[in-house]
Amino acid sequence: MPRWECSSTNYLLAGMLVERITGRSVADEVTRRTIVPLGLTTTYYPKDYETWVHGPHPRGYVDVAGGRYDYTNRTCRGPERPGRWPARART
């Protein structure tokens, strides 16, 4: 029986629709329509050129071929960017 794997297809399609319909980037629309209205002052949606997480944050690791690798600053390109809404604890 095949094992199910995570897929970002729906995020990709949603991002493409947002950019096509609005003429603006997903980052701009998510910021304008969600982050700002909800007052999420320590949350942001990274721009395409940002390949790092701002401010203090936990590290993320992934096990690959018997080794553990820092996955914290992994970034996706294109409109989907699944899970790219970094938030940090207020200090």
N, C-alpha and C. Protein backbone atom coordinates (compact mmCIF):
# COMPACT_ATOMS: atom_id res chain seq x y z
N MET A 1 0.85 -1.18 0.00
CA MET A 1 0.00 0.00 0.00
C MET A 1 0.89 1.24 0.00
N PRO A 2 0.65 2.20 -0.91
CA PRO A 2 1.49 3.40 -0.96
C PRO A 2 1.35 4.25 0.29
N ARG A 3 2.43 4.84 0.67
CA ARG A 3 2.44 5.73 1.82
C ARG A 3 2.15 7.15 1.35
N TRP A 4 1.29 7.85 2.06
CA TRP A 4 0.95 9.22 1.70
C TRP A 4 2.07 10.16 2.10
N GLU A 5 2.39 11.09 1.24
CA GLU A 5 3.40 12.10 1.52
C GLU A 5 2.75 13.47 1.44
N CYS A 6 3.31 14.42 2.15
CA CYS A 6 2.81 15.79 2.13
C CYS A 6 2.97 16.37 0.72
N SER A 7 1.96 17.09 0.29
CA SER A 7 2.01 17.71 -1.03
C SER A 7 1.65 19.18 -0.91
N SER A 8 2.31 20.00 -1.65
CA SER A 8 2.06 21.44 -1.62
C SER A 8 1.25 21.91 -2.82
N THR A 9 0.65 21.00 -3.55
CA THR A 9 -0.06 21.34 -4.78
C THR A 9 -1.15 22.38 -4.54
N ASN A 10 -1.95 22.20 -3.50
CA ASN A 10 -3.04 23.15 -3.26
C ASN A 10 -2.50 24.54 -2.91
N TYR A 11 -1.40 24.59 -2.16
CA TYR A 11 -0.79 25.88 -1.85
C TYR A 11 -0.28 26.55 -3.12
N LEU A 12 0.31 25.76 -3.98
CA LEU A 12 0.82 26.29 -5.25
C LEU A 12 -0.32 26.87 -6.08
N LEU A 13 -1.40 26.12 -6.23
CA LEU A 13 -2.54 26.60 -7.02
C LEU A 13 -3.18 27.83 -6.39
N ALA A 14 -3.34 27.81 -5.08
CA ALA A 14 -3.93 28.97 -4.39
C ALA A 14 -3.06 30.21 -4.57
N GLY A 15 -1.75 30.04 -4.43
CA GLY A 15 -0.83 31.16 -4.61
C GLY A 15 -0.86 31.72 -6.01
N MET A 16 -0.94 30.82 -6.99
CA MET A 16 -1.01 31.27 -8.39
C MET A 16 -2.31 32.04 -8.64
N LEU A 17 -3.41 31.57 -8.07
CA LEU A 17 -4.69 32.27 -8.23
C LEU A 17 -4.65 33.65 -7.59
N VAL A 18 -4.13 33.71 -6.37
CA VAL A 18 -4.03 35.01 -5.68
C VAL A 18 -3.24 36.00 -6.51
N GLU A 19 -2.08 35.58 -7.02
CA GLU A 19 -1.25 36.49 -7.80
C GLU A 19 -1.91 36.87 -9.12
N ARG A 20 -2.58 35.93 -9.76
CA ARG A 20 -3.24 36.22 -11.04
C ARG A 20 -4.43 37.17 -10.85
N ILE A 21 -5.25 36.91 -9.84
CA ILE A 21 -6.47 37.70 -9.63
C ILE A 21 -6.16 39.09 -9.10
N THR A 22 -5.22 39.19 -8.14
CA THR A 22 -4.95 40.48 -7.51
C THR A 22 -3.88 41.29 -8.22
N GLY A 23 -3.01 40.61 -8.96
CA GLY A 23 -1.88 41.31 -9.57
C GLY A 23 -0.81 41.67 -8.56
N ARG A 24 -0.90 41.12 -7.37
CA ARG A 24 0.07 41.40 -6.30
C ARG A 24 0.67 40.09 -5.83
N SER A 25 1.79 40.17 -5.13
CA SER A 25 2.44 38.96 -4.63
C SER A 25 1.64 38.35 -3.48
N VAL A 26 1.84 37.05 -3.29
CA VAL A 26 1.20 36.36 -2.16
C VAL A 26 1.63 37.02 -0.85
N ALA A 27 2.90 37.35 -0.74
CA ALA A 27 3.40 37.98 0.49
C ALA A 27 2.65 39.27 0.78
N ASP A 28 2.44 40.10 -0.23
CA ASP A 28 1.72 41.36 -0.03
C ASP A 28 0.27 41.11 0.38
N GLU A 29 -0.38 40.16 -0.28
CA GLU A 29 -1.79 39.88 0.03
C GLU A 29 -1.97 39.25 1.40
N VAL A 30 -1.12 38.31 1.77
CA VAL A 30 -1.22 37.70 3.09
C VAL A 30 -0.98 38.74 4.17
N THR A 31 0.00 39.59 3.96
CA THR A 31 0.29 40.65 4.93
C THR A 31 -0.89 41.60 5.06
N ARG A 32 -1.40 42.06 3.94
CA ARG A 32 -2.48 43.05 3.92
C ARG A 32 -3.80 42.48 4.42
N ARG A 33 -4.11 41.25 4.06
CA ARG A 33 -5.43 40.69 4.37
C ARG A 33 -5.49 39.89 5.67
N THR A 34 -4.37 39.43 6.17
CA THR A 34 -4.39 38.57 7.35
C THR A 34 -3.52 39.08 8.48
N ILE A 35 -2.24 39.25 8.23
CA ILE A 35 -1.30 39.59 9.30
C ILE A 35 -1.60 40.94 9.94
N VAL A 36 -1.76 41.98 9.12
CA VAL A 36 -2.02 43.32 9.65
C VAL A 36 -3.38 43.41 10.35
N PRO A 37 -4.48 42.97 9.70
CA PRO A 37 -5.78 43.08 10.38
C PRO A 37 -5.87 42.32 11.71
N LEU A 38 -5.16 41.21 11.82
CA LEU A 38 -5.19 40.45 13.06
C LEU A 38 -4.19 40.95 14.09
N GLY A 39 -3.40 41.95 13.73
CA GLY A 39 -2.43 42.52 14.67
C GLY A 39 -1.31 41.57 15.02
N LEU A 40 -0.91 40.73 14.09
CA LEU A 40 0.15 39.75 14.33
C LEU A 40 1.51 40.43 14.16
N THR A 41 1.91 41.16 15.15
CA THR A 41 3.09 42.03 15.04
C THR A 41 4.41 41.28 14.96
N THR A 42 4.46 40.04 15.36
CA THR A 42 5.71 39.29 15.27
C THR A 42 5.64 38.19 14.22
N THR A 43 4.67 38.26 13.34
CA THR A 43 4.50 37.30 12.26
C THR A 43 4.72 38.02 10.94
N TYR A 44 5.33 37.36 9.98
CA TYR A 44 5.53 37.97 8.67
C TYR A 44 5.54 36.89 7.61
N TYR A 45 5.31 37.29 6.38
CA TYR A 45 5.35 36.39 5.23
C TYR A 45 6.57 36.79 4.41
N PRO A 46 7.61 35.97 4.36
CA PRO A 46 8.86 36.36 3.72
C PRO A 46 8.72 36.69 2.24
N LYS A 47 9.49 37.65 1.81
CA LYS A 47 9.58 37.99 0.39
C LYS A 47 10.45 36.94 -0.30
N ASP A 48 10.41 36.89 -1.63
CA ASP A 48 11.17 35.90 -2.39
C ASP A 48 12.66 35.92 -2.07
N TYR A 49 13.23 37.09 -1.83
CA TYR A 49 14.67 37.19 -1.62
C TYR A 49 15.08 36.85 -0.19
N GLU A 50 14.14 36.70 0.72
CA GLU A 50 14.47 36.42 2.11
C GLU A 50 14.60 34.91 2.31
N THR A 51 15.80 34.47 2.61
CA THR A 51 16.05 33.04 2.81
C THR A 51 16.46 32.76 4.25
N TRP A 52 16.05 33.59 5.16
CA TRP A 52 16.38 33.43 6.56
C TRP A 52 15.13 33.77 7.38
N VAL A 53 15.14 33.36 8.65
CA VAL A 53 14.05 33.67 9.56
C VAL A 53 14.49 34.84 10.42
N HIS A 54 13.69 35.87 10.49
CA HIS A 54 14.02 37.08 11.25
C HIS A 54 13.93 36.83 12.75
N GLY A 55 14.77 37.52 13.50
CA GLY A 55 14.68 37.52 14.96
C GLY A 55 14.96 36.18 15.61
N PRO A 56 14.83 36.13 16.94
CA PRO A 56 15.07 34.89 17.66
C PRO A 56 14.01 33.85 17.31
N HIS A 57 14.44 32.60 17.15
CA HIS A 57 13.52 31.54 16.75
C HIS A 57 14.15 30.18 17.03
N PRO A 58 13.33 29.15 17.16
CA PRO A 58 13.89 27.81 17.35
C PRO A 58 14.48 27.29 16.05
N ARG A 59 15.37 26.34 16.16
CA ARG A 59 15.97 25.71 14.99
C ARG A 59 15.12 24.51 14.59
N GLY A 60 15.14 24.17 13.31
CA GLY A 60 14.44 22.98 12.83
C GLY A 60 15.43 22.04 12.18
N TYR A 61 15.28 20.74 12.44
CA TYR A 61 16.21 19.76 11.90
C TYR A 61 15.47 18.65 11.17
N VAL A 62 16.13 18.04 10.22
CA VAL A 62 15.57 16.92 9.47
C VAL A 62 16.63 15.82 9.39
N ASP A 63 16.18 14.58 9.50
CA ASP A 63 17.09 13.43 9.37
C ASP A 63 17.12 12.99 7.92
N VAL A 64 18.32 12.97 7.34
CA VAL A 64 18.51 12.56 5.95
C VAL A 64 19.69 11.61 5.88
N ALA A 65 19.46 10.44 5.36
CA ALA A 65 20.52 9.45 5.14
C ALA A 65 21.38 9.25 6.38
N GLY A 66 20.74 9.16 7.52
CA GLY A 66 21.46 8.89 8.75
C GLY A 66 22.10 10.10 9.40
N GLY A 67 21.97 11.27 8.81
CA GLY A 67 22.53 12.48 9.40
C GLY A 67 21.43 13.48 9.71
N ARG A 68 21.69 14.35 10.65
CA ARG A 68 20.73 15.39 11.03
C ARG A 68 21.21 16.72 10.47
N TYR A 69 20.33 17.41 9.75
CA TYR A 69 20.68 18.67 9.09
C TYR A 69 19.77 19.79 9.54
N ASP A 70 20.35 20.96 9.72
CA ASP A 70 19.58 22.15 10.09
C ASP A 70 18.71 22.55 8.90
N TYR A 71 17.43 22.58 9.11
CA TYR A 71 16.45 22.85 8.07
C TYR A 71 15.79 24.21 8.28
N THR A 72 16.26 24.96 9.25
CA THR A 72 15.61 26.19 9.68
C THR A 72 15.41 27.19 8.55
N ASN A 73 16.43 27.43 7.77
CA ASN A 73 16.33 28.46 6.75
C ASN A 73 16.00 27.93 5.37
N ARG A 74 15.45 26.72 5.30
CA ARG A 74 15.02 26.20 4.01
C ARG A 74 13.91 27.11 3.50
N THR A 75 13.96 27.44 2.26
CA THR A 75 12.96 28.32 1.68
C THR A 75 12.39 27.72 0.41
N CYS A 76 11.17 28.03 0.13
CA CYS A 76 10.51 27.60 -1.10
C CYS A 76 10.46 28.79 -2.04
N ARG A 77 10.60 28.52 -3.29
CA ARG A 77 10.47 29.57 -4.30
C ARG A 77 9.12 29.43 -4.96
N GLY A 78 8.62 30.50 -5.48
CA GLY A 78 7.34 30.47 -6.16
C GLY A 78 6.21 30.88 -5.22
N PRO A 79 4.99 30.87 -5.73
CA PRO A 79 3.88 31.43 -4.97
C PRO A 79 3.37 30.57 -3.83
N GLU A 80 3.76 29.30 -3.74
CA GLU A 80 3.15 28.43 -2.74
C GLU A 80 3.66 28.65 -1.33
N ARG A 81 4.94 28.57 -1.13
CA ARG A 81 5.59 28.76 0.17
C ARG A 81 4.81 28.17 1.34
N PRO A 82 4.53 26.88 1.32
CA PRO A 82 3.74 26.30 2.41
C PRO A 82 4.41 26.48 3.76
N GLY A 83 3.63 26.87 4.71
CA GLY A 83 4.13 27.02 6.07
C GLY A 83 5.11 28.15 6.28
N ARG A 84 5.14 29.14 5.44
CA ARG A 84 6.14 30.21 5.56
C ARG A 84 5.59 31.42 6.29
N TRP A 85 4.97 31.25 7.38
CA TRP A 85 4.49 32.38 8.16
C TRP A 85 5.23 32.38 9.48
N PRO A 86 6.51 32.72 9.48
CA PRO A 86 7.25 32.69 10.74
C PRO A 86 6.66 33.64 11.77
N ALA A 87 6.63 33.19 12.99
CA ALA A 87 6.18 34.02 14.12
C ALA A 87 7.17 33.80 15.24
N ARG A 88 7.42 34.83 16.03
CA ARG A 88 8.32 34.66 17.17
C ARG A 88 7.60 35.09 18.43
N ALA A 89 8.07 34.54 19.51
CA ALA A 89 7.51 34.91 20.81
C ALA A 89 7.89 36.34 21.11
N ARG A 90 7.00 37.03 21.75
CA ARG A 90 7.32 38.41 22.15
C ARG A 90 8.28 38.37 23.33
N THR A 91 9.25 39.29 23.28
CA THR A 91 10.23 39.31 24.38
C THR A 91 10.08 40.58 25.17
